[in-house]
PDB file of N, CA and C in Angstrom:
ATOM      1  N   MET A   1     -10.274 -11.225   2.165  1.00  0.00           N
ATOM      2  CA  MET A   1      -9.922 -10.861   0.781  1.00  0.00           C
ATOM      3  C   MET A   1     -10.282 -12.272  -0.029  1.00  0.00           C
ATOM      4  N   ILE A   2     -10.912 -12.004  -1.122  1.00  0.00           N
ATOM      5  CA  ILE A   2     -11.054 -13.061  -1.881  1.00  0.00           C
ATOM      6  C   ILE A   2      -9.865 -13.355  -3.115  1.00  0.00           C
ATOM      7  N   GLY A   3     -10.110 -14.374  -3.690  1.00  0.00           N
ATOM      8  CA  GLY A   3      -8.958 -14.654  -4.659  1.00  0.00           C
ATOM      9  C   GLY A   3      -8.849 -13.779  -5.835  1.00  0.00           C
ATOM     10  N   GLU A   4     -10.101 -13.553  -6.420  1.00  0.00           N
ATOM     11  CA  GLU A   4      -9.959 -12.922  -7.681  1.00  0.00           C
ATOM     12  C   GLU A   4     -11.109 -11.985  -7.997  1.00  0.00           C
ATOM     13  N   ILE A   5     -11.002 -10.971  -8.732  1.00  0.00           N
ATOM     14  CA  ILE A   5     -12.066  -9.957  -8.787  1.00  0.00           C
ATOM     15  C   ILE A   5     -12.274  -9.830 -10.172  1.00  0.00           C
ATOM     16  N   SER A   6     -13.426  -9.655 -10.760  1.00  0.00           N
ATOM     17  CA  SER A   6     -13.669  -9.843 -12.109  1.00  0.00           C
ATOM     18  C   SER A   6     -13.965  -8.225 -12.523  1.00  0.00           C
ATOM     19  N   ILE A   7     -13.230  -7.558 -13.419  1.00  0.00           N
ATOM     20  CA  ILE A   7     -13.479  -6.192 -14.026  1.00  0.00           C
ATOM     21  C   ILE A   7     -13.749  -6.565 -15.393  1.00  0.00           C
ATOM     22  N   GLY A   8     -14.859  -6.208 -15.775  1.00  0.00           N
ATOM     23  CA  GLY A   8     -15.059  -6.342 -17.315  1.00  0.00           C
ATOM     24  C   GLY A   8     -14.958  -7.568 -17.881  1.00  0.00           C
ATOM     25  N   GLY A   9     -14.999  -8.786 -17.279  1.00  0.00           N
ATOM     26  CA  GLY A   9     -14.808 -10.028 -17.662  1.00  0.00           C
ATOM     27  C   GLY A   9     -13.371 -10.496 -17.585  1.00  0.00           C
ATOM     28  N   VAL A  10     -12.439  -9.617 -17.020  1.00  0.00           N
ATOM     29  CA  VAL A  10     -11.096  -9.756 -16.842  1.00  0.00           C
ATOM     30  C   VAL A  10     -10.867 -10.276 -15.310  1.00  0.00           C
ATOM     31  N   TYR A  11     -10.403 -11.282 -14.974  1.00  0.00           N
ATOM     32  CA  TYR A  11     -10.091 -11.565 -13.649  1.00  0.00           C
ATOM     33  C   TYR A  11      -8.728 -11.102 -13.172  1.00  0.00           C
ATOM     34  N   LEU A  12      -8.733 -10.416 -12.141  1.00  0.00           N
ATOM     35  CA  LEU A  12      -7.482  -9.745 -11.642  1.00  0.00           C
ATOM     36  C   LEU A  12      -7.394 -10.328 -10.117  1.00  0.00           C
ATOM     37  N   PRO A  13      -6.188 -10.542  -9.823  1.00  0.00           N
ATOM     38  CA  PRO A  13      -5.994 -11.087  -8.407  1.00  0.00           C
ATOM     39  C   PRO A  13      -6.088  -9.915  -7.507  1.00  0.00           C
ATOM     40  N   SER A  14      -6.815 -10.086  -6.385  1.00  0.00           N
ATOM     41  CA  SER A  14      -7.340  -8.980  -5.547  1.00  0.00           C
ATOM     42  C   SER A  14      -5.838  -8.375  -4.886  1.00  0.00           C
ATOM     43  N   ILE A  15      -4.869  -9.209  -4.782  1.00  0.00           N
ATOM     44  CA  ILE A  15      -3.627  -8.626  -4.308  1.00  0.00           C
ATOM     45  C   ILE A  15      -3.046  -7.530  -5.263  1.00  0.00           C
ATOM     46  N   LEU A  16      -3.331  -7.578  -6.548  1.00  0.00           N
ATOM     47  CA  LEU A  16      -2.790  -6.690  -7.442  1.00  0.00           C
ATOM     48  C   LEU A  16      -3.576  -5.478  -7.249  1.00  0.00           C
ATOM     49  N   LEU A  17      -4.953  -5.353  -6.843  1.00  0.00           N
ATOM     50  CA  LEU A  17      -5.748  -4.236  -6.664  1.00  0.00           C
ATOM     51  C   LEU A  17      -5.270  -3.520  -5.322  1.00  0.00           C
ATOM     52  N   LEU A  18      -5.086  -4.292  -4.204  1.00  0.00           N
ATOM     53  CA  LEU A  18      -4.666  -3.857  -3.146  1.00  0.00           C
ATOM     54  C   LEU A  18      -3.247  -3.179  -3.307  1.00  0.00           C
ATOM     55  N   ALA A  19      -2.281  -3.826  -3.966  1.00  0.00           N
ATOM     56  CA  ALA A  19      -1.028  -3.110  -4.284  1.00  0.00           C
ATOM     57  C   ALA A  19      -1.116  -1.754  -5.015  1.00  0.00           C
ATOM     58  N   ILE A  20      -1.949  -1.703  -5.738  1.00  0.00           N
ATOM     59  CA  ILE A  20      -2.461  -0.414  -6.612  1.00  0.00           C
ATOM     60  C   ILE A  20      -2.662   0.676  -5.489  1.00  0.00           C
ATOM     61  N   ALA A  21      -3.551   0.302  -4.717  1.00  0.00           N
ATOM     62  CA  ALA A  21      -4.220   1.015  -3.663  1.00  0.00           C
ATOM     63  C   ALA A  21      -2.945   1.486  -2.644  1.00  0.00           C
ATOM     64  N   ALA A  22      -2.195   0.482  -2.382  1.00  0.00           N
ATOM     65  CA  ALA A  22      -1.195   0.694  -1.356  1.00  0.00           C
ATOM     66  C   ALA A  22      -0.202   1.823  -2.109  1.00  0.00           C
ATOM     67  N   VAL A  23       0.021   1.709  -3.331  1.00  0.00           N
ATOM     68  CA  VAL A  23       1.069   2.571  -3.955  1.00  0.00           C
ATOM     69  C   VAL A  23       0.621   4.082  -3.958  1.00  0.00           C
ATOM     70  N   LEU A  24      -0.717   4.142  -4.125  1.00  0.00           N
ATOM     71  CA  LEU A  24      -1.258   5.540  -4.100  1.00  0.00           C
ATOM     72  C   LEU A  24      -1.250   5.954  -2.722  1.00  0.00           C
ATOM     73  N   LEU A  25      -1.676   5.160  -1.627  1.00  0.00           N
ATOM     74  CA  LEU A  25      -1.643   5.736  -0.388  1.00  0.00           C
ATOM     75  C   LEU A  25      -0.162   5.934   0.204  1.00  0.00           C
ATOM     76  N   THR A  26       0.806   5.168  -0.412  1.00  0.00           N
ATOM     77  CA  THR A  26       2.066   5.338  -0.056  1.00  0.00           C
ATOM     78  C   THR A  26       2.771   6.820  -0.555  1.00  0.00           C
ATOM     79  N   GLY A  27       2.302   6.907  -1.820  1.00  0.00           N
ATOM     80  CA  GLY A  27       2.721   8.328  -2.231  1.00  0.00           C
ATOM     81  C   GLY A  27       2.127   9.464  -1.510  1.00  0.00           C
ATOM     82  N   LEU A  28       0.865   9.340  -1.036  1.00  0.00           N
ATOM     83  CA  LEU A  28       0.216  10.418  -0.185  1.00  0.00           C
ATOM     84  C   LEU A  28       1.010  10.477   1.086  1.00  0.00           C
ATOM     85  N   ALA A  29       1.303   9.227   1.768  1.00  0.00           N
ATOM     86  CA  ALA A  29       1.868   9.362   3.051  1.00  0.00           C
ATOM     87  C   ALA A  29       3.363   9.856   2.938  1.00  0.00           C
ATOM     88  N   SER A  30       4.020   9.706   1.747  1.00  0.00           N
ATOM     89  CA  SER A  30       5.482  10.071   1.590  1.00  0.00           C
ATOM     90  C   SER A  30       5.438  11.568   1.317  1.00  0.00           C
ATOM     91  N   ARG A  31       4.452  12.054   0.690  1.00  0.00           N
ATOM     92  CA  ARG A  31       4.265  13.611   0.536  1.00  0.00           C
ATOM     93  C   ARG A  31       4.104  14.240   1.745  1.00  0.00           C
ATOM     94  N   LEU A  32       3.215  13.521   2.800  1.00  0.00           N
ATOM     95  CA  LEU A  32       2.860  14.178   3.879  1.00  0.00           C
ATOM     96  C   LEU A  32       4.198  14.044   4.884  1.00  0.00           C
ATOM     97  N   LEU A  33       4.823  12.970   4.808  1.00  0.00           N
ATOM     98  CA  LEU A  33       6.221  12.865   5.674  1.00  0.00           C
ATOM     99  C   LEU A  33       7.217  13.862   5.256  1.00  0.00           C
ATOM    100  N   SER A  34       7.354  14.376   3.880  1.00  0.00           N
ATOM    101  CA  SER A  34       8.066  15.158   3.309  1.00  0.00           C
ATOM    102  C   SER A  34       7.841  16.452   3.855  1.00  0.00           C
ATOM    103  N   PHE A  35       6.507  16.894   3.857  1.00  0.00           N
ATOM    104  CA  PHE A  35       6.058  18.097   4.113  1.00  0.00           C
ATOM    105  C   PHE A  35       6.347  18.555   5.657  1.00  0.00           C
ATOM    106  N   ALA A  36       6.177  17.232   6.371  1.00  0.00           N
ATOM    107  CA  ALA A  36       6.578  17.488   7.832  1.00  0.00           C
ATOM    108  C   ALA A  36       7.892  17.526   8.162  1.00  0.00           C
ATOM    109  N   GLY A  37       8.772  17.141   7.337  1.00  0.00           N
ATOM    110  CA  GLY A  37      10.112  17.306   7.536  1.00  0.00           C
ATOM    111  C   GLY A  37      10.579  15.891   8.255  1.00  0.00           C
ATOM    112  N   ALA A  38       9.961  14.861   8.219  1.00  0.00           N
ATOM    113  CA  ALA A  38      10.363  13.578   8.843  1.00  0.00           C
ATOM    114  C   ALA A  38      11.689  12.884   8.122  1.00  0.00           C
ATOM    115  N   TYR A  39      11.733  13.235   6.897  1.00  0.00           N
ATOM    116  CA  TYR A  39      12.840  12.567   6.068  1.00  0.00           C
ATOM    117  C   TYR A  39      14.064  13.104   6.163  1.00  0.00           C
ATOM    118  N   ARG A  40      14.283  14.122   7.201  1.00  0.00           N
ATOM    119  CA  ARG A  40      15.490  14.626   7.622  1.00  0.00           C
ATOM    120  C   ARG A  40      16.249  13.797   8.481  1.00  0.00           C
ATOM    121  N   VAL A  41      15.665  13.111   9.374  1.00  0.00           N
ATOM    122  CA  VAL A  41      16.134  12.039  10.205  1.00  0.00           C
ATOM    123  C   VAL A  41      16.441  10.652   9.631  1.00  0.00           C
ATOM    124  N   VAL A  42      16.316  10.414   8.335  1.00  0.00           N
ATOM    125  CA  VAL A  42      16.291   9.082   7.738  1.00  0.00           C
ATOM    126  C   VAL A  42      17.576   9.131   6.745  1.00  0.00           C
ATOM    127  N   THR A  43      18.322   8.042   6.999  1.00  0.00           N
ATOM    128  CA  THR A  43      19.523   7.923   6.074  1.00  0.00           C
ATOM    129  C   THR A  43      19.414   7.480   4.628  1.00  0.00           C
ATOM    130  N   TYR A  44      18.447   6.589   4.450  1.00  0.00           N
ATOM    131  CA  TYR A  44      18.131   5.980   3.145  1.00  0.00           C
ATOM    132  C   TYR A  44      16.496   6.109   2.879  1.00  0.00           C
ATOM    133  N   ARG A  45      16.170   7.106   2.083  1.00  0.00           N
ATOM    134  CA  ARG A  45      14.710   7.408   1.932  1.00  0.00           C
ATOM    135  C   ARG A  45      14.010   6.144   1.083  1.00  0.00           C
ATOM    136  N   PRO A  46      14.786   5.618   0.257  1.00  0.00           N
ATOM    137  CA  PRO A  46      13.976   4.603  -0.551  1.00  0.00           C
ATOM    138  C   PRO A  46      13.711   3.446   0.284  1.00  0.00           C
ATOM    139  N   LEU A  47      14.454   3.129   1.211  1.00  0.00           N
ATOM    140  CA  LEU A  47      14.135   2.001   2.076  1.00  0.00           C
ATOM    141  C   LEU A  47      12.984   2.182   3.045  1.00  0.00           C
ATOM    142  N   VAL A  48      12.943   3.380   3.488  1.00  0.00           N
ATOM    143  CA  VAL A  48      11.670   3.946   4.352  1.00  0.00           C
ATOM    144  C   VAL A  48      10.509   3.863   3.594  1.00  0.00           C
ATOM    145  N   ASP A  49      10.562   4.425   2.196  1.00  0.00           N
ATOM    146  CA  ASP A  49       9.242   4.391   1.354  1.00  0.00           C
ATOM    147  C   ASP A  49       8.781   2.891   1.154  1.00  0.00           C
ATOM    148  N   LEU A  50       9.942   1.969   0.904  1.00  0.00           N
ATOM    149  CA  LEU A  50       9.448   0.406   0.654  1.00  0.00           C
ATOM    150  C   LEU A  50       8.934  -0.207   1.748  1.00  0.00           C
ATOM    151  N   ALA A  51       9.326   0.259   3.065  1.00  0.00           N
ATOM    152  CA  ALA A  51       8.865  -0.244   4.363  1.00  0.00           C
ATOM    153  C   ALA A  51       7.471   0.189   4.508  1.00  0.00           C
ATOM    154  N   LEU A  52       7.291   1.555   4.279  1.00  0.00           N
ATOM    155  CA  LEU A  52       5.921   1.974   4.271  1.00  0.00           C
ATOM    156  C   LEU A  52       4.885   1.418   3.421  1.00  0.00           C
ATOM    157  N   PHE A  53       5.289   1.151   2.185  1.00  0.00           N
ATOM    158  CA  PHE A  53       4.444   0.458   1.271  1.00  0.00           C
ATOM    159  C   PHE A  53       4.154  -0.932   1.792  1.00  0.00           C
ATOM    160  N   VAL A  54       5.132  -1.703   2.277  1.00  0.00           N
ATOM    161  CA  VAL A  54       4.913  -3.015   2.825  1.00  0.00           C
ATOM    162  C   VAL A  54       3.834  -3.012   3.945  1.00  0.00           C
ATOM    163  N   LEU A  55       4.162  -2.147   4.772  1.00  0.00           N
ATOM    164  CA  LEU A  55       3.191  -1.942   5.954  1.00  0.00           C
ATOM    165  C   LEU A  55       1.801  -1.607   5.530  1.00  0.00           C
ATOM    166  N   ILE A  56       1.516  -0.653   4.739  1.00  0.00           N
ATOM    167  CA  ILE A  56       0.150  -0.236   4.089  1.00  0.00           C
ATOM    168  C   ILE A  56      -0.252  -1.339   3.355  1.00  0.00           C
ATOM    169  N   LEU A  57       0.301  -2.035   2.579  1.00  0.00           N
ATOM    170  CA  LEU A  57      -0.111  -3.346   1.894  1.00  0.00           C
ATOM    171  C   LEU A  57      -0.659  -4.210   2.715  1.00  0.00           C
ATOM    172  N   GLY A  58       0.067  -4.646   3.783  1.00  0.00           N
ATOM    173  CA  GLY A  58      -0.232  -5.612   4.985  1.00  0.00           C
ATOM    174  C   GLY A  58      -1.593  -5.172   5.475  1.00  0.00           C
ATOM    175  N   LEU A  59      -1.575  -3.773   5.968  1.00  0.00           N
ATOM    176  CA  LEU A  59      -2.778  -3.467   6.663  1.00  0.00           C
ATOM    177  C   LEU A  59      -4.101  -3.213   5.841  1.00  0.00           C
ATOM    178  N   LEU A  60      -3.865  -3.102   4.581  1.00  0.00           N
ATOM    179  CA  LEU A  60      -5.061  -3.256   3.416  1.00  0.00           C
ATOM    180  C   LEU A  60      -5.487  -4.791   3.421  1.00  0.00           C
ATOM    181  N   ALA A  61      -4.358  -5.661   3.397  1.00  0.00           N
ATOM    182  CA  ALA A  61      -4.761  -7.164   3.324  1.00  0.00           C
ATOM    183  C   ALA A  61      -5.511  -7.488   4.395  1.00  0.00           C
ATOM    184  N   LEU A  62      -5.037  -7.102   5.590  1.00  0.00           N
ATOM    185  CA  LEU A  62      -5.677  -7.642   6.962  1.00  0.00           C
ATOM    186  C   LEU A  62      -7.327  -6.846   6.976  1.00  0.00           C
ATOM    187  N   LEU A  63      -7.313  -5.701   6.607  1.00  0.00           N
ATOM    188  CA  LEU A  63      -8.765  -4.996   6.519  1.00  0.00           C
ATOM    189  C   LEU A  63      -9.663  -5.721   5.682  1.00  0.00           C
ATOM    190  N   THR A  64      -9.248  -6.199   4.466  1.00  0.00           N
ATOM    191  CA  THR A  64     -10.054  -6.721   3.423  1.00  0.00           C
ATOM    192  C   THR A  64     -10.136  -8.250   3.661  1.00  0.00           C
ATOM    193  N   GLY A  65      -9.604  -8.780   4.724  1.00  0.00           N
ATOM    194  CA  GLY A  65      -9.560 -10.288   4.788  1.00  0.00           C
ATOM    195  C   GLY A  65     -10.956 -10.765   5.345  1.00  0.00           C
ATOM    196  N   PRO A  66     -11.009 -12.112   5.250  1.00  0.00           N
ATOM    197  CA  PRO A  66     -12.296 -12.680   5.747  1.00  0.00           C
ATOM    198  C   PRO A  66     -12.699 -12.350   7.107  1.00  0.00           C
ATOM    199  N   SER A  67     -13.777 -12.104   7.424  1.00  0.00           N
ATOM    200  CA  SER A  67     -14.202 -11.800   8.865  1.00  0.00           C
ATOM    201  C   SER A  67     -14.556 -13.091   9.675  1.00  0.00           C
ATOM    202  N   ALA A  68     -13.929 -13.178  10.825  1.00  0.00           N
ATOM    203  CA  ALA A  68     -13.908 -14.423  11.424  1.00  0.00           C
ATOM    204  C   ALA A  68     -15.099 -14.664  12.191  1.00  0.00           C
TER     205      ALA A  68
END
């Protein structure tokens, strides 16, 4: 993962773009979990959604990181 990405001359931090992708993927995963009925065993759904977002963001950061 590099520090900044230039889009039309505007420098954006790469973590911002990863966070936007993570929000989209979290929304998709949340809909799939809801459709599968997995939220019936969860006490507090927003906390599960936040944890899912953090896990997806971390995975994206690891996958886009520098290759050693």
